[in-house]
Amino acid sequence: MDPKQPARLPKIVGAIAAGLAGLSCATVFAQTTAAPAAPAAGAQGVPPGMTQIEPPKDPLVERREARKRASDEYKAKKKAAKGEYKEEVGEAKQERKVENKAADSTARQEMAAPKQ
């Protein structure tokens, strides 16, 4: 830095912020206790006497999970509706087949009947 030029405030603030961020990370790592490498076979979750604190979720992660749940729910409803529709169409086809067979048989009887 040239001593004749004035120092720029954003550069100084950025350097100070970076230094403080580095110090805060170092203190966080220094304060954490080491977790056991492998939990005991019968132990589940957190050892007694310690509380597990979950970090807050990122809003983008929450939105992604909410969209995934909504998408899955929509797909399930769509699949159920499609199944009902296919059943109704199948029933309608069966009814039409029965009606066509009945109409065909009456038409054959009329054609086979002797005309006077």
C-alpha atoms as a PDB file:
ATOM      1  CA  MET A   1       0.000   0.000   0.000  1.00  0.00           C
ATOM      2  CA  ASP A   2       1.336   3.394  -0.950  1.00  0.00           C
ATOM      3  CA  PRO A   3       1.654   5.717   2.106  1.00  0.00           C
ATOM      4  CA  LYS A   4       0.706   8.726  -0.014  1.00  0.00           C
ATOM      5  CA  GLN A   5      -2.718   7.331  -0.973  1.00  0.00           C
ATOM      6  CA  PRO A   6      -5.513   7.224   1.605  1.00  0.00           C
ATOM      7  CA  ALA A   7      -6.633   3.811   2.830  1.00  0.00           C
ATOM      8  CA  ARG A   8      -9.927   2.660   1.449  1.00  0.00           C
ATOM      9  CA  LEU A   9     -12.528   1.898   4.071  1.00  0.00           C
ATOM     10  CA  PRO A  10     -14.118  -1.153   2.356  1.00  0.00           C
ATOM     11  CA  LYS A  11     -10.750  -2.900   2.082  1.00  0.00           C
ATOM     12  CA  ILE A  12     -10.023  -2.323   5.756  1.00  0.00           C
ATOM     13  CA  VAL A  13     -13.502  -3.427   6.827  1.00  0.00           C
ATOM     14  CA  GLY A  14     -13.217  -6.542   4.673  1.00  0.00           C
ATOM     15  CA  ALA A  15      -9.860  -7.453   6.169  1.00  0.00           C
ATOM     16  CA  ILE A  16     -11.150  -6.956   9.709  1.00  0.00           C
ATOM     17  CA  ALA A  17     -14.305  -9.007   8.996  1.00  0.00           C
ATOM     18  CA  ALA A  18     -12.248 -11.847   7.540  1.00  0.00           C
ATOM     19  CA  GLY A  19      -9.983 -11.846  10.572  1.00  0.00           C
ATOM     20  CA  LEU A  20     -12.923 -11.913  12.984  1.00  0.00           C
ATOM     21  CA  ALA A  21     -14.610 -14.699  11.038  1.00  0.00           C
ATOM     22  CA  GLY A  22     -11.433 -16.757  11.226  1.00  0.00           C
ATOM     23  CA  LEU A  23     -11.179 -16.198  14.960  1.00  0.00           C
ATOM     24  CA  SER A  24     -14.810 -17.117  15.558  1.00  0.00           C
ATOM     25  CA  CYS A  25     -14.412 -20.359  13.601  1.00  0.00           C
ATOM     26  CA  ALA A  26     -11.307 -21.199  15.577  1.00  0.00           C
ATOM     27  CA  THR A  27     -13.081 -20.624  18.883  1.00  0.00           C
ATOM     28  CA  VAL A  28     -16.065 -22.741  17.802  1.00  0.00           C
ATOM     29  CA  PHE A  29     -13.801 -25.639  16.893  1.00  0.00           C
ATOM     30  CA  ALA A  30     -11.863 -25.244  20.115  1.00  0.00           C
ATOM     31  CA  GLN A  31     -15.047 -25.346  22.221  1.00  0.00           C
ATOM     32  CA  THR A  32     -16.555 -28.463  20.680  1.00  0.00           C
ATOM     33  CA  THR A  33     -15.999 -31.753  22.437  1.00  0.00           C
ATOM     34  CA  ALA A  34     -14.803 -34.753  20.508  1.00  0.00           C
ATOM     35  CA  ALA A  35     -17.532 -37.314  19.856  1.00  0.00           C
ATOM     36  CA  PRO A  36     -16.751 -41.008  20.293  1.00  0.00           C
ATOM     37  CA  ALA A  37     -15.630 -42.654  17.074  1.00  0.00           C
ATOM     38  CA  ALA A  38     -18.254 -45.397  17.170  1.00  0.00           C
ATOM     39  CA  PRO A  39     -21.289 -45.524  19.464  1.00  0.00           C
ATOM     40  CA  ALA A  40     -21.840 -48.618  21.570  1.00  0.00           C
ATOM     41  CA  ALA A  41     -23.969 -51.364  20.055  1.00  0.00           C
ATOM     42  CA  GLY A  42     -26.924 -50.725  22.379  1.00  0.00           C
ATOM     43  CA  ALA A  43     -26.595 -46.928  22.473  1.00  0.00           C
ATOM     44  CA  GLN A  44     -28.741 -44.827  20.206  1.00  0.00           C
ATOM     45  CA  GLY A  45     -28.432 -41.085  19.639  1.00  0.00           C
ATOM     46  CA  VAL A  46     -26.766 -38.768  22.137  1.00  0.00           C
ATOM     47  CA  PRO A  47     -24.880 -40.057  25.211  1.00  0.00           C
ATOM     48  CA  PRO A  48     -26.591 -39.352  28.547  1.00  0.00           C
ATOM     49  CA  GLY A  49     -25.822 -35.987  30.081  1.00  0.00           C
ATOM     50  CA  MET A  50     -25.425 -34.250  26.718  1.00  0.00           C
ATOM     51  CA  THR A  51     -28.099 -32.513  24.718  1.00  0.00           C
ATOM     52  CA  GLN A  52     -28.129 -32.615  20.973  1.00  0.00           C
ATOM     53  CA  ILE A  53     -28.790 -29.285  19.337  1.00  0.00           C
ATOM     54  CA  GLU A  54     -29.756 -29.303  15.697  1.00  0.00           C
ATOM     55  CA  PRO A  55     -28.594 -26.357  13.654  1.00  0.00           C
ATOM     56  CA  PRO A  56     -31.365 -24.284  12.102  1.00  0.00           C
ATOM     57  CA  LYS A  57     -32.240 -25.367   8.585  1.00  0.00           C
ATOM     58  CA  ASP A  58     -31.437 -23.194   5.652  1.00  0.00           C
ATOM     59  CA  PRO A  59     -34.602 -21.570   4.214  1.00  0.00           C
ATOM     60  CA  LEU A  60     -33.696 -22.904   0.784  1.00  0.00           C
ATOM     61  CA  VAL A  61     -33.446 -26.442   2.177  1.00  0.00           C
ATOM     62  CA  GLU A  62     -36.810 -26.044   3.914  1.00  0.00           C
ATOM     63  CA  ARG A  63     -38.367 -24.795   0.669  1.00  0.00           C
ATOM     64  CA  ARG A  64     -36.870 -27.694  -1.291  1.00  0.00           C
ATOM     65  CA  GLU A  65     -38.203 -30.213   1.232  1.00  0.00           C
ATOM     66  CA  ALA A  66     -41.645 -28.565   1.247  1.00  0.00           C
ATOM     67  CA  ARG A  67     -41.754 -28.665  -2.554  1.00  0.00           C
ATOM     68  CA  LYS A  68     -40.699 -32.330  -2.511  1.00  0.00           C
ATOM     69  CA  ARG A  69     -43.495 -33.188  -0.052  1.00  0.00           C
ATOM     70  CA  ALA A  70     -46.023 -31.261  -2.159  1.00  0.00           C
ATOM     71  CA  SER A  71     -44.802 -32.965  -5.327  1.00  0.00           C
ATOM     72  CA  ASP A  72     -45.039 -36.416  -3.744  1.00  0.00           C
ATOM     73  CA  GLU A  73     -48.546 -35.657  -2.462  1.00  0.00           C
ATOM     74  CA  TYR A  74     -49.611 -34.425  -5.922  1.00  0.00           C
ATOM     75  CA  LYS A  75     -48.190 -37.528  -7.587  1.00  0.00           C
ATOM     76  CA  ALA A  76     -50.025 -39.798  -5.136  1.00  0.00           C
ATOM     77  CA  LYS A  77     -53.342 -38.000  -5.749  1.00  0.00           C
ATOM     78  CA  LYS A  78     -52.766 -38.088  -9.510  1.00  0.00           C
ATOM     79  CA  LYS A  79     -51.996 -41.813  -9.432  1.00  0.00           C
ATOM     80  CA  ALA A  80     -55.146 -42.522  -7.378  1.00  0.00           C
ATOM     81  CA  ALA A  81     -57.287 -40.424  -9.723  1.00  0.00           C
ATOM     82  CA  LYS A  82     -55.790 -42.150 -12.763  1.00  0.00           C
ATOM     83  CA  GLY A  83     -56.566 -45.558 -11.245  1.00  0.00           C
ATOM     84  CA  GLU A  84     -60.180 -44.545 -10.573  1.00  0.00           C
ATOM     85  CA  TYR A  85     -60.495 -43.199 -14.119  1.00  0.00           C
ATOM     86  CA  LYS A  86     -59.150 -46.440 -15.604  1.00  0.00           C
ATOM     87  CA  GLU A  87     -61.639 -48.445 -13.517  1.00  0.00           C
ATOM     88  CA  GLU A  88     -64.527 -46.281 -14.707  1.00  0.00           C
ATOM     89  CA  VAL A  89     -63.420 -46.583 -18.328  1.00  0.00           C
ATOM     90  CA  GLY A  90     -63.065 -50.347 -17.975  1.00  0.00           C
ATOM     91  CA  GLU A  91     -66.566 -50.621 -16.478  1.00  0.00           C
ATOM     92  CA  ALA A  92     -67.991 -48.449 -19.259  1.00  0.00           C
ATOM     93  CA  LYS A  93     -66.328 -50.666 -21.885  1.00  0.00           C
ATOM     94  CA  GLN A  94     -67.792 -53.780 -20.281  1.00  0.00           C
ATOM     95  CA  GLU A  95     -71.274 -52.227 -20.223  1.00  0.00           C
ATOM     96  CA  ARG A  96     -70.920 -51.187 -23.862  1.00  0.00           C
ATOM     97  CA  LYS A  97     -69.814 -54.712 -24.832  1.00  0.00           C
ATOM     98  CA  VAL A  98     -72.837 -56.219 -23.090  1.00  0.00           C
ATOM     99  CA  GLU A  99     -75.172 -53.699 -24.745  1.00  0.00           C
ATOM    100  CA  ASN A 100     -73.601 -54.301 -28.160  1.00  0.00           C
ATOM    101  CA  LYS A 101     -73.935 -58.072 -27.769  1.00  0.00           C
ATOM    102  CA  ALA A 102     -77.584 -57.675 -26.767  1.00  0.00           C
ATOM    103  CA  ALA A 103     -78.270 -55.372 -29.705  1.00  0.00           C
ATOM    104  CA  ASP A 104     -76.423 -57.728 -32.042  1.00  0.00           C
ATOM    105  CA  SER A 105     -78.392 -60.728 -30.888  1.00  0.00           C
ATOM    106  CA  THR A 106     -81.746 -58.902 -31.289  1.00  0.00           C
ATOM    107  CA  ALA A 107     -80.699 -57.743 -34.751  1.00  0.00           C
ATOM    108  CA  ARG A 108     -79.765 -61.301 -35.749  1.00  0.00           C
ATOM    109  CA  GLN A 109     -83.079 -62.600 -34.457  1.00  0.00           C
ATOM    110  CA  GLU A 110     -84.930 -59.968 -36.489  1.00  0.00           C
ATOM    111  CA  MET A 111     -82.925 -60.840 -39.583  1.00  0.00           C
ATOM    112  CA  ALA A 112     -83.452 -64.558 -39.090  1.00  0.00           C
ATOM    113  CA  ALA A 113     -87.178 -64.216 -38.516  1.00  0.00           C
ATOM    114  CA  PRO A 114     -89.235 -65.090 -41.587  1.00  0.00           C
ATOM    115  CA  LYS A 115     -90.871 -62.160 -43.279  1.00  0.00           C
ATOM    116  CA  GLN A 116     -94.513 -62.355 -44.116  1.00  0.00           C
END
